[in-house]
């Protein structure tokens, strides 16, 4: 009865659940390792990159990140005042930390956009449709819900271009 309540059709026994959990943990760890590798690759690639980033753009990105973070906290029932008190910090300290992260993200974005442009990375309608279908299936939702979650087909296509640019960076790194 318990396994039926989970709503997972392929889970019928405790062993099935344990196997599924192990697979999920393994997948998460692999994803984490990959994420760290890509972060290190981007950091190295942008370390000597000289680009002027408009202060207003950094401020906008920082403020957007802060608001997004506080919205996620409020969804968990934690308001800004409570979070700052619990974390023993100030809004200014968080903003300053987020400003460094925003600058890093913007540099990464400039680099990836330059790769996309230079390498003429394009996404075909077939590639986009395949990605939407796979994401919908993996998340057990409709294709329309995936498109909405990503902000539309154009945003999804851009995300694929970025992923392809990162894959190209990894290939170049591996051939060196």
Protein backbone atom coordinates (compact mmCIF):
# COMPACT_ATOMS: atom_id res chain seq x y z
CA UNK A 1 0.00 0.00 0.00
CA UNK A 2 2.82 2.41 0.91
CA UNK A 3 4.56 1.93 -2.45
CA UNK A 4 1.28 2.48 -4.28
CA UNK A 5 0.85 5.80 -2.44
CA UNK A 6 4.22 6.99 -3.74
CA UNK A 7 2.66 7.26 -7.18
CA UNK A 8 5.68 5.63 -8.83
CA UNK A 9 4.50 2.86 -11.10
CA UNK A 10 7.85 1.05 -11.21
CA UNK A 11 8.21 0.91 -7.38
CA UNK A 12 6.52 -2.14 -5.91
CA UNK A 13 8.90 -3.20 -3.11
CA UNK A 14 11.36 -1.78 -0.64
CA UNK A 15 14.18 -3.11 -2.84
CA UNK A 16 12.76 -1.28 -5.88
CA UNK A 17 12.66 1.93 -3.85
CA UNK A 18 16.23 1.46 -2.61
CA UNK A 19 17.45 0.78 -6.14
CA UNK A 20 15.63 3.86 -7.46
CA UNK A 21 17.09 6.02 -4.66
CA UNK A 22 20.64 4.77 -5.34
CA UNK A 23 20.24 5.51 -9.04
CA UNK A 24 18.95 9.00 -8.23
CA UNK A 25 21.83 9.72 -5.83
CA UNK A 26 24.36 8.47 -8.39
CA UNK A 27 22.78 10.69 -11.06
CA UNK A 28 22.86 13.72 -8.73
CA UNK A 29 26.54 13.13 -7.87
CA UNK A 30 27.45 12.77 -11.55
CA UNK A 31 25.57 15.98 -12.30
CA UNK A 32 27.37 17.75 -9.45
CA UNK A 33 30.79 16.63 -10.71
CA UNK A 34 29.92 17.78 -14.23
CA UNK A 35 28.69 21.13 -12.90
CA UNK A 36 31.93 21.70 -10.96
CA UNK A 37 33.98 20.79 -14.04
CA UNK A 38 32.08 23.27 -16.22
CA UNK A 39 32.38 25.98 -13.55
CA UNK A 40 36.14 25.45 -13.37
CA UNK A 41 36.39 25.50 -17.16
CA UNK A 42 34.44 28.76 -17.39
CA UNK A 43 36.44 30.29 -14.56
CA UNK A 44 39.72 29.46 -16.26
CA UNK A 45 38.46 30.71 -19.63
CA UNK A 46 37.26 34.02 -18.20
CA UNK A 47 40.22 34.59 -15.84
CA UNK A 48 42.23 36.57 -18.37
CA UNK A 49 39.29 37.84 -20.34
CA UNK A 50 39.08 41.60 -20.52
CA UNK A 51 35.53 42.80 -20.85
CA UNK A 52 33.87 45.96 -19.64
CA UNK A 53 30.70 45.20 -17.78
CA UNK A 54 28.38 48.14 -17.19
CA UNK A 55 27.86 48.75 -13.47
CA UNK A 56 24.12 49.17 -14.05
CA UNK A 57 23.98 45.70 -15.59
CA UNK A 58 25.78 44.23 -12.57
CA UNK A 59 23.41 46.09 -10.23
CA UNK A 60 20.38 44.84 -12.15
CA UNK A 61 21.65 41.24 -12.16
CA UNK A 62 22.47 41.45 -8.44
CA UNK A 63 19.09 42.89 -7.50
CA UNK A 64 17.30 40.30 -9.63
CA UNK A 65 19.30 37.50 -7.95
CA UNK A 66 18.54 38.88 -4.48
CA UNK A 67 14.80 39.17 -5.18
CA UNK A 68 14.73 35.66 -6.63
CA UNK A 69 16.55 34.30 -3.58
CA UNK A 70 14.17 36.05 -1.17
CA UNK A 71 11.16 34.80 -3.15
CA UNK A 72 12.44 31.22 -2.78
CA UNK A 73 12.90 31.82 0.96
CA UNK A 74 9.37 33.20 1.31
CA UNK A 75 8.00 30.08 -0.44
CA UNK A 76 9.56 28.16 2.43
CA UNK A 77 7.88 30.43 4.95
CA UNK A 78 10.97 32.52 5.72
CA UNK A 79 10.71 36.27 5.24
CA UNK A 80 13.68 38.56 4.59
CA UNK A 81 13.98 39.81 8.17
CA UNK A 82 13.89 36.30 9.61
CA UNK A 83 16.46 35.04 7.08
CA UNK A 84 18.89 37.89 7.81
CA UNK A 85 18.50 37.36 11.54
CA UNK A 86 18.97 33.59 11.28
CA UNK A 87 21.96 33.91 8.92
CA UNK A 88 23.52 36.57 11.14
CA UNK A 89 24.15 38.86 8.18
CA UNK A 90 22.88 41.99 6.52
CA UNK A 91 21.24 42.66 3.18
CA UNK A 92 24.34 44.64 2.19
CA UNK A 93 26.65 41.68 2.90
CA UNK A 94 24.48 39.37 0.82
CA UNK A 95 24.24 41.93 -1.99
CA UNK A 96 28.04 42.34 -2.02
CA UNK A 97 28.52 38.57 -2.27
CA UNK A 98 25.86 38.34 -4.97
CA UNK A 99 27.53 41.19 -6.87
CA UNK A 100 30.68 39.07 -7.27
CA UNK A 101 28.57 36.16 -8.49
CA UNK A 102 26.62 38.42 -10.86
CA UNK A 103 29.85 39.73 -12.38
CA UNK A 104 31.09 36.17 -12.83
CA UNK A 105 27.81 35.09 -14.47
CA UNK A 106 27.89 38.09 -16.81
CA UNK A 107 31.48 37.32 -17.85
CA UNK A 108 30.50 33.71 -18.49
CA UNK A 109 27.55 34.90 -20.53
CA UNK A 110 29.75 37.19 -22.66
CA UNK A 111 32.17 34.33 -23.27
CA UNK A 112 29.46 31.83 -24.20
CA UNK A 113 27.72 34.34 -26.47
CA UNK A 114 31.04 35.01 -28.21
CA UNK A 115 31.52 31.26 -28.76
CA UNK A 116 27.96 30.92 -30.07
CA UNK A 117 28.54 33.77 -32.51
CA UNK A 118 32.06 32.80 -33.57
CA UNK A 119 31.22 29.14 -34.07
CA UNK A 120 27.85 29.97 -35.62
CA UNK A 121 26.04 27.60 -33.27
CA UNK A 122 22.45 27.13 -34.40
CA UNK A 123 19.65 24.90 -33.16
CA UNK A 124 17.39 23.26 -35.70
CA UNK A 125 13.65 23.00 -35.18
CA UNK A 126 14.09 19.22 -34.96
CA UNK A 127 16.72 19.51 -32.19
CA UNK A 128 14.50 21.92 -30.28
CA UNK A 129 11.43 19.71 -30.63
CA UNK A 130 13.42 16.64 -29.50
CA UNK A 131 14.70 18.50 -26.42
CA UNK A 132 11.18 19.64 -25.51
CA UNK A 133 9.80 16.12 -25.91
CA UNK A 134 12.58 14.57 -23.81
CA UNK A 135 12.20 17.17 -21.06
CA UNK A 136 8.41 16.72 -21.02
CA UNK A 137 8.79 12.95 -20.77
CA UNK A 138 11.48 13.14 -18.08
CA UNK A 139 9.39 15.52 -15.97
CA UNK A 140 6.06 13.85 -16.71
CA UNK A 141 4.50 17.08 -18.02
CA UNK A 142 3.25 18.36 -21.36
CA UNK A 143 5.46 19.99 -23.98
CA UNK A 144 3.55 23.24 -23.43
CA UNK A 145 4.43 23.16 -19.72
CA UNK A 146 8.13 22.72 -20.57
CA UNK A 147 8.02 25.64 -22.99
CA UNK A 148 6.32 27.80 -20.36
CA UNK A 149 8.79 26.78 -17.63
CA UNK A 150 11.74 27.77 -19.83
CA UNK A 151 10.15 31.02 -20.95
CA UNK A 152 9.25 29.88 -24.46
CA UNK A 153 10.82 28.15 -27.43
CA UNK A 154 13.29 30.97 -28.07
CA UNK A 155 14.69 30.74 -24.52
CA UNK A 156 14.88 26.96 -24.79
CA UNK A 157 16.77 27.24 -28.10
CA UNK A 158 19.19 29.70 -26.49
CA UNK A 159 19.73 27.30 -23.59
CA UNK A 160 20.62 24.58 -26.10
CA UNK A 161 23.07 26.92 -27.85
CA UNK A 162 24.76 27.61 -24.51
CA UNK A 163 24.99 23.89 -23.77
CA UNK A 164 26.52 23.30 -27.20
CA UNK A 165 29.03 26.10 -26.59
CA UNK A 166 30.00 24.47 -23.27
CA UNK A 167 30.36 21.09 -24.99
CA UNK A 168 32.63 22.73 -27.56
CA UNK A 169 34.75 24.21 -24.74
CA UNK A 170 35.03 20.76 -23.14
CA UNK A 171 36.10 19.22 -26.46
CA UNK A 172 38.79 21.88 -26.94
CA UNK A 173 40.02 21.33 -23.37
CA UNK A 174 40.20 17.57 -23.91
CA UNK A 175 42.25 17.91 -27.11
CA UNK A 176 44.89 20.05 -25.37
